[in-house]
Amino acid sequence: MIDVANELDIPSYLFYSCGAGVLGFLFYLSVWHEQFGREFNPSDGNLNIAAYAHPVSSKVLPTFAFIKEGYDSFRNHGVRYKETKGILINTVEEFESHAVNGLASDPDLPPVYTVGFLLDHEAQNAKGNSKSEDEEIKKWLDQQPPSSVLFLCFGNAGIFEQPQLIEMASALERSGVRFLWSIGPPVDAETSKVEEILPEGFLERTKTRGIVCGWAPQVDILAHKATGAFVSHCGWNSTIESVWHGVPIVTWPLYAEQHINAFQVVRDLEVAVELTLNDRMYDSDHRGIVKAEEIEKVIRFIMDSENSLRKRVKDMGEICRKALTEGGSSFISLGQFVETILDT
């Protein structure tokens, strides 16, 4: 599309649907390549990437960074993005201030416009739940105390092996917290029936304080006053939906750029607590299942009503909502973009 715009002598602008941090990493690929001329290796250690306030472990880089074809492709993306006249990012300046400032201060990059958070607040039932199933979930949430429910959801491709699901179920049962768990069939199971996948008797023993379902209306659940925390794969949409609604995150990244998103929300942005950044997937000493004891410990911490993290996320959610109102940072940034277009 950039080539077509150039041929027609039309200025091209890019809308980047992920965060400023990951965009900064794409631009960093050229810096890395000039020095090393190769894709990354999990053993490369800590990296100083301008978009991140803390050194980034090579073990949490996006999965494409370790594969030559993916590395070359995304490095080329970064090179081509520099040819645009500007980049609109689905983020809020105050949320990713370090990354945004790093991009804006680099004279070799096009101007950036923070126009987020762009969310589907009227998300419809696109995954096949009946209206009655969604209403049952809402009815159950309405009966729970404020900020008392732990929501677990890992996206469309968030599939675990059965032994991991058993550990998760054990942690939920032992923690005693209320929970709403959106679960897909495990990759190694011969059945998709939840009662045959989870520990025997789990559903019966926890039926008064928990729901296990298939697809769940994530936006509605995060917006509900009963939701107190979110165990997430850290996809960007899930991350900003959670922050928007003031719900603290427990990180459980699985693939793509989720690992570096998890690093960012824990280390740089401090709106999440680490269960796993999933760097263990590259570490032969720690590869494998996250045990129930680890999960239970983090669950108890995140659901503590006195947790200072909870207040920080709620405050950030308010800041992000104000950013879209008149005089807010995203409102102003979008206006600047429009003025630039009109002046072209």
Protein backbone atom coordinates (compact mmCIF):
# COMPACT_ATOMS: atom_id res chain seq x y z
CA MET A 1 0.00 0.00 0.00
CA ILE A 2 2.89 2.37 0.70
CA ASP A 3 4.21 1.70 -2.81
CA VAL A 4 0.81 2.43 -4.33
CA ALA A 5 0.53 5.67 -2.37
CA ASN A 6 4.00 6.69 -3.52
CA GLU A 7 3.14 6.00 -7.16
CA LEU A 8 0.04 8.17 -6.85
CA ASP A 9 1.93 10.84 -4.92
CA ILE A 10 -0.43 10.43 -1.96
CA PRO A 11 0.93 10.66 1.60
CA SER A 12 0.59 7.36 3.46
CA TYR A 13 -0.24 6.98 7.13
CA LEU A 14 -0.22 3.80 9.17
CA PHE A 15 -2.64 2.72 11.88
CA TYR A 16 -0.80 0.43 14.28
CA SER A 17 -3.24 -1.64 16.32
CA CYS A 18 -0.73 -2.84 18.92
CA GLY A 19 1.11 -0.72 21.47
CA ALA A 20 3.93 1.79 21.21
CA GLY A 21 6.33 -0.60 22.93
CA VAL A 22 6.03 -3.30 20.28
CA LEU A 23 6.23 -0.68 17.54
CA GLY A 24 9.46 0.54 19.11
CA PHE A 25 10.76 -3.03 19.07
CA LEU A 26 10.07 -3.29 15.33
CA PHE A 27 12.21 -0.21 14.75
CA TYR A 28 14.88 -1.67 17.04
CA LEU A 29 15.24 -4.65 14.69
CA SER A 30 17.22 -2.52 12.23
CA VAL A 31 19.58 -1.39 15.00
CA TRP A 32 20.13 -4.99 16.05
CA HIS A 33 20.65 -6.17 12.49
CA GLU A 34 23.29 -3.54 11.76
CA GLN A 35 25.27 -4.82 14.73
CA PHE A 36 24.71 -8.58 14.56
CA GLY A 37 23.17 -9.36 11.16
CA ARG A 38 21.01 -12.23 12.44
CA GLU A 39 17.79 -13.12 14.19
CA PHE A 40 17.66 -13.23 18.00
CA ASN A 41 18.55 -16.12 20.26
CA PRO A 42 16.96 -16.69 23.69
CA SER A 43 20.48 -16.65 25.18
CA ASP A 44 21.24 -13.09 23.95
CA GLY A 45 20.60 -11.73 27.45
CA ASN A 46 19.24 -8.31 28.37
CA LEU A 47 18.68 -5.77 25.60
CA ASN A 48 18.49 -1.99 25.88
CA ILE A 49 15.52 -1.08 23.70
CA ALA A 50 14.56 2.60 23.71
CA ALA A 51 10.83 1.87 23.86
CA TYR A 52 11.17 0.13 27.22
CA ALA A 53 12.21 1.69 30.50
CA HIS A 54 13.92 -1.48 31.74
CA PRO A 55 16.35 -3.86 30.00
CA VAL A 56 14.39 -6.50 28.11
CA SER A 57 15.33 -10.16 28.46
CA SER A 58 15.76 -11.79 25.06
CA LYS A 59 13.63 -14.65 26.39
CA VAL A 60 10.48 -12.50 26.28
CA LEU A 61 10.85 -11.21 22.73
CA PRO A 62 8.03 -11.95 20.25
CA THR A 63 8.24 -15.46 18.86
CA PHE A 64 8.91 -14.21 15.33
CA ALA A 65 12.20 -12.68 16.50
CA PHE A 66 13.80 -16.14 16.82
CA ILE A 67 12.81 -17.39 13.36
CA LYS A 68 14.75 -16.10 10.36
CA GLU A 69 11.73 -15.75 8.07
CA GLY A 70 9.68 -13.95 10.71
CA TYR A 71 12.61 -11.81 11.81
CA ASP A 72 13.35 -10.70 8.24
CA SER A 73 9.68 -10.01 7.54
CA PHE A 74 9.10 -7.83 10.59
CA ARG A 75 12.44 -6.07 10.19
CA ASN A 76 11.27 -5.12 6.72
CA HIS A 77 8.00 -3.89 8.22
CA GLY A 78 9.95 -1.53 10.45
CA VAL A 79 11.96 -0.24 7.50
CA ARG A 80 8.83 0.38 5.42
CA TYR A 81 6.97 2.03 8.31
CA LYS A 82 9.64 4.74 8.30
CA GLU A 83 8.50 5.71 4.80
CA THR A 84 5.06 6.79 6.03
CA LYS A 85 4.15 10.37 6.90
CA GLY A 86 2.89 9.37 10.33
CA ILE A 87 1.77 6.47 12.52
CA LEU A 88 -1.45 6.33 14.54
CA ILE A 89 -1.08 4.03 17.55
CA ASN A 90 -3.83 2.36 19.56
CA THR A 91 -2.53 3.57 22.89
CA VAL A 92 -2.73 6.45 25.35
CA GLU A 93 0.24 8.75 25.81
CA GLU A 94 0.04 8.66 29.61
CA PHE A 95 -0.17 4.86 29.63
CA GLU A 96 2.90 4.19 27.48
CA SER A 97 4.67 7.47 28.16
CA HIS A 98 8.22 6.08 27.97
CA ALA A 99 7.63 4.27 24.67
CA VAL A 100 5.71 7.17 23.13
CA ASN A 101 8.36 9.70 24.14
CA GLY A 102 11.07 7.45 22.71
CA LEU A 103 9.31 7.23 19.36
CA ALA A 104 8.46 10.93 19.24
CA SER A 105 12.01 12.03 20.03
CA ASP A 106 13.69 9.91 17.33
CA PRO A 107 14.37 12.19 14.33
CA ASP A 108 14.62 9.18 12.01
CA LEU A 109 11.01 8.15 12.64
CA PRO A 110 7.77 9.64 11.31
CA PRO A 111 5.47 11.51 13.72
CA VAL A 112 3.35 9.34 16.00
CA TYR A 113 -0.23 10.03 17.04
CA THR A 114 -1.65 8.31 20.13
CA VAL A 115 -5.36 7.89 19.37
CA GLY A 116 -6.37 5.10 21.77
CA PHE A 117 -7.74 3.28 23.44
CA LEU A 118 -9.89 2.19 20.49
CA LEU A 119 -12.15 -0.51 21.91
CA ASP A 120 -15.33 -2.25 20.81
CA HIS A 121 -17.54 -1.16 23.69
CA GLU A 122 -20.58 -2.66 21.98
CA ALA A 123 -18.96 -6.04 21.37
CA GLN A 124 -21.54 -8.49 20.13
CA ASN A 125 -21.75 -12.22 20.59
CA ALA A 126 -19.47 -13.17 17.71
CA LYS A 127 -18.37 -16.57 18.98
CA GLY A 128 -21.63 -18.42 19.12
CA ASN A 129 -22.87 -18.18 22.70
CA SER A 130 -26.62 -18.05 22.93
CA LYS A 131 -28.14 -14.93 24.42
CA SER A 132 -29.33 -16.99 27.38
CA GLU A 133 -25.79 -18.20 28.13
CA ASP A 134 -24.47 -14.64 28.21
CA GLU A 135 -27.39 -13.57 30.37
CA GLU A 136 -26.67 -16.40 32.81
CA ILE A 137 -23.08 -15.19 33.18
CA LYS A 138 -24.26 -11.61 33.77
CA LYS A 139 -26.89 -12.77 36.24
CA TRP A 140 -24.27 -14.68 38.20
CA LEU A 141 -21.90 -11.71 38.21
CA ASP A 142 -24.70 -9.46 39.46
CA GLN A 143 -24.96 -11.68 42.53
CA GLN A 144 -21.27 -11.40 43.45
CA PRO A 145 -19.67 -8.72 45.68
CA PRO A 146 -17.69 -5.91 44.00
CA SER A 147 -14.18 -6.82 42.81
CA SER A 148 -14.55 -10.38 44.10
CA VAL A 149 -14.38 -12.46 40.90
CA LEU A 150 -11.21 -13.67 39.21
CA PHE A 151 -11.70 -13.84 35.43
CA LEU A 152 -9.50 -16.25 33.44
CA CYS A 153 -9.50 -16.04 29.65
CA PHE A 154 -6.73 -16.68 27.11
CA GLY A 155 -8.09 -15.70 23.71
CA ASN A 156 -9.19 -17.79 20.76
CA ALA A 157 -5.88 -19.67 20.51
CA GLY A 158 -5.25 -19.96 24.24
CA ILE A 159 -5.24 -23.74 24.53
CA PHE A 160 -3.42 -25.66 27.27
CA GLU A 161 -2.55 -29.30 27.72
CA GLN A 162 -4.70 -31.19 30.21
CA PRO A 163 -2.06 -31.44 33.00
CA GLN A 164 -1.82 -27.64 33.05
CA LEU A 165 -5.59 -27.28 33.25
CA ILE A 166 -5.61 -29.64 36.22
CA GLU A 167 -3.04 -27.47 38.02
CA MET A 168 -5.10 -24.36 37.28
CA ALA A 169 -8.25 -26.00 38.61
CA SER A 170 -6.46 -27.13 41.76
CA ALA A 171 -5.19 -23.60 42.38
CA LEU A 172 -8.64 -22.12 41.96
CA GLU A 173 -10.17 -24.64 44.33
CA ARG A 174 -7.50 -24.19 46.99
CA SER A 175 -7.56 -20.38 46.79
CA GLY A 176 -11.21 -20.18 47.75
CA VAL A 177 -11.85 -17.18 45.47
CA ARG A 178 -14.83 -16.65 43.22
CA PHE A 179 -13.93 -17.25 39.59
CA LEU A 180 -15.18 -17.18 36.02
CA TRP A 181 -13.03 -19.38 33.80
CA SER A 182 -13.30 -19.37 30.02
CA ILE A 183 -11.70 -22.60 28.92
CA GLY A 184 -11.14 -24.28 25.56
CA PRO A 185 -10.61 -28.01 25.05
CA PRO A 186 -6.99 -29.06 25.70
CA VAL A 187 -4.82 -30.07 22.78
CA ASP A 188 -4.10 -33.52 24.22
CA ALA A 189 -7.56 -34.60 25.41
CA GLU A 190 -9.80 -37.15 23.72
CA THR A 191 -12.92 -35.31 24.88
CA SER A 192 -14.11 -31.71 24.93
CA LYS A 193 -16.40 -32.28 27.92
CA VAL A 194 -15.20 -30.03 30.72
CA GLU A 195 -16.22 -32.46 33.46
CA GLU A 196 -13.94 -35.10 31.93
CA ILE A 197 -10.98 -32.74 31.52
CA LEU A 198 -10.81 -31.15 34.97
CA PRO A 199 -10.20 -32.97 38.28
CA GLU A 200 -13.00 -35.30 39.26
CA GLY A 201 -15.61 -33.48 41.33
CA PHE A 202 -14.10 -30.02 40.73
CA LEU A 203 -17.21 -28.53 39.15
CA GLU A 204 -19.45 -29.86 41.91
CA ARG A 205 -17.17 -28.68 44.72
CA THR A 206 -16.84 -25.15 43.31
CA LYS A 207 -20.31 -24.63 41.85
CA THR A 208 -21.34 -22.13 44.54
CA ARG A 209 -18.46 -19.76 43.78
CA GLY A 210 -17.34 -20.41 40.23
CA ILE A 211 -18.39 -20.79 36.61
CA VAL A 212 -16.51 -22.69 33.91
CA CYS A 213 -17.64 -21.84 30.40
CA GLY A 214 -16.50 -21.93 26.79
CA TRP A 215 -16.35 -18.60 25.01
CA ALA A 216 -17.11 -15.67 27.31
CA PRO A 217 -18.23 -12.07 26.60
CA GLN A 218 -14.89 -10.65 27.72
CA VAL A 219 -15.67 -6.93 27.40
CA ASP A 220 -18.88 -7.26 29.39
CA ILE A 221 -17.14 -9.28 32.09
CA LEU A 222 -14.24 -6.84 32.46
CA ALA A 223 -16.72 -3.97 32.64
CA HIS A 224 -18.71 -5.61 35.43
CA LYS A 225 -18.21 -4.27 38.95
CA ALA A 226 -17.85 -7.80 40.34
CA THR A 227 -14.68 -8.52 38.34
CA GLY A 228 -11.62 -8.04 40.52
CA ALA A 229 -8.71 -9.34 38.41
CA PHE A 230 -7.97 -10.84 35.01
CA VAL A 231 -5.64 -13.77 34.26
CA SER A 232 -4.75 -13.00 30.66
CA HIS A 233 -2.58 -14.07 27.73
CA CYS A 234 -1.70 -10.37 27.35
CA GLY A 235 -2.83 -9.80 23.81
CA TRP A 236 -2.93 -6.03 23.27
CA ASN A 237 -6.72 -5.76 23.00
CA SER A 238 -7.20 -7.76 26.19
CA THR A 239 -4.58 -5.66 27.95
CA ILE A 240 -6.10 -2.30 27.12
CA GLU A 241 -9.65 -3.56 27.78
CA SER A 242 -8.56 -4.58 31.26
CA VAL A 243 -6.81 -1.28 31.99
CA TRP A 244 -9.72 0.72 30.60
CA HIS A 245 -12.03 -0.93 33.11
CA GLY A 246 -9.52 -0.67 35.96
CA VAL A 247 -8.99 -4.42 36.34
CA PRO A 248 -5.47 -5.58 37.36
CA ILE A 249 -3.86 -8.28 35.24
CA VAL A 250 -2.12 -11.56 35.99
CA THR A 251 0.21 -12.31 33.07
CA TRP A 252 0.18 -15.67 31.31
CA PRO A 253 1.47 -14.98 27.76
CA LEU A 254 1.40 -17.79 25.23
CA TYR A 255 2.53 -16.71 21.75
CA ALA A 256 3.25 -13.86 19.30
CA GLU A 257 4.04 -10.53 21.01
CA GLN A 258 2.26 -11.48 24.24
CA HIS A 259 5.53 -12.19 26.06
CA ILE A 260 6.91 -8.70 25.59
CA ASN A 261 3.49 -7.19 26.35
CA ALA A 262 3.54 -9.08 29.64
CA PHE A 263 7.03 -7.81 30.40
CA GLN A 264 5.91 -4.25 29.70
CA VAL A 265 2.76 -4.28 31.84
CA VAL A 266 4.62 -5.84 34.77
CA ARG A 267 7.99 -4.06 34.68
CA ASP A 268 7.40 -0.74 32.93
CA LEU A 269 3.72 0.06 33.39
CA GLU A 270 3.13 -1.68 36.74
CA VAL A 271 -0.50 -2.59 36.05
CA ALA A 272 0.01 -6.35 36.30
CA VAL A 273 1.57 -9.04 38.42
CA GLU A 274 3.71 -11.78 36.94
CA LEU A 275 2.53 -15.34 37.12
CA THR A 276 4.71 -16.19 34.19
CA LEU A 277 6.31 -14.08 31.49
CA ASN A 278 6.73 -17.48 29.82
CA ASP A 279 10.49 -17.11 29.53
CA ARG A 280 10.56 -20.62 31.00
CA MET A 281 9.65 -21.93 27.54
CA TYR A 282 13.25 -21.24 26.51
CA ASP A 283 14.80 -22.43 29.77
CA SER A 284 15.49 -26.16 30.04
CA ASP A 285 15.66 -25.91 33.84
CA HIS A 286 12.17 -24.45 34.17
CA ARG A 287 10.29 -25.58 31.08
CA GLY A 288 6.96 -27.21 31.77
CA ILE A 289 3.84 -26.83 33.81
CA VAL A 290 3.11 -23.90 36.11
CA LYS A 291 2.27 -25.61 39.39
CA ALA A 292 -0.87 -25.06 41.42
CA GLU A 293 1.14 -23.62 44.32
CA GLU A 294 2.55 -20.84 42.11
CA ILE A 295 -0.85 -20.03 40.65
CA GLU A 296 -2.58 -20.03 44.04
CA LYS A 297 0.00 -17.65 45.51
CA VAL A 298 -0.51 -15.09 42.76
CA ILE A 299 -4.30 -15.47 42.89
CA ARG A 300 -4.34 -14.69 46.60
CA PHE A 301 -2.08 -11.68 46.06
CA ILE A 302 -4.05 -10.15 43.19
CA MET A 303 -7.42 -10.63 44.90
CA ASP A 304 -6.29 -8.95 48.11
CA SER A 305 -8.59 -5.93 48.50
CA GLU A 306 -5.75 -3.95 50.10
CA ASN A 307 -3.48 -4.48 47.11
CA SER A 308 -1.99 -1.15 45.98
CA LEU A 309 -1.86 -2.47 42.42
CA ARG A 310 -5.64 -2.43 42.29
CA LYS A 311 -5.77 1.33 42.97
CA ARG A 312 -3.02 2.04 40.46
CA VAL A 313 -4.87 0.26 37.67
CA LYS A 314 -8.16 1.98 38.49
CA ASP A 315 -6.42 5.36 38.44
CA MET A 316 -4.81 4.54 35.09
CA GLY A 317 -8.19 3.48 33.71
CA GLU A 318 -9.61 6.89 34.59
CA ILE A 319 -6.64 8.61 32.95
CA CYS A 320 -7.14 6.59 29.77
CA ARG A 321 -10.84 7.39 29.60
CA LYS A 322 -10.16 11.11 30.07
CA ALA A 323 -7.63 10.95 27.22
CA LEU A 324 -10.51 10.50 24.75
CA THR A 325 -12.54 13.43 26.04
CA GLU A 326 -12.19 17.01 24.83
CA GLY A 327 -8.80 18.33 25.90
CA GLY A 328 -7.44 14.83 26.58
CA SER A 329 -4.19 13.61 25.07
CA SER A 330 -5.76 11.23 22.52
CA PHE A 331 -8.39 13.82 21.57
CA ILE A 332 -5.65 16.39 20.94
CA SER A 333 -3.44 13.92 19.08
CA LEU A 334 -6.25 12.90 16.73
CA GLY A 335 -6.99 16.57 16.11
CA GLN A 336 -3.35 17.18 15.21
CA PHE A 337 -3.50 14.30 12.74
CA VAL A 338 -6.64 15.73 11.11
CA GLU A 339 -5.02 19.17 10.85
CA THR A 340 -1.97 17.61 9.21
CA ILE A 341 -4.16 15.86 6.64
CA LEU A 342 -6.08 19.05 5.87
CA ASP A 343 -2.84 20.98 5.42
CA THR A 344 -1.40 18.42 3.02
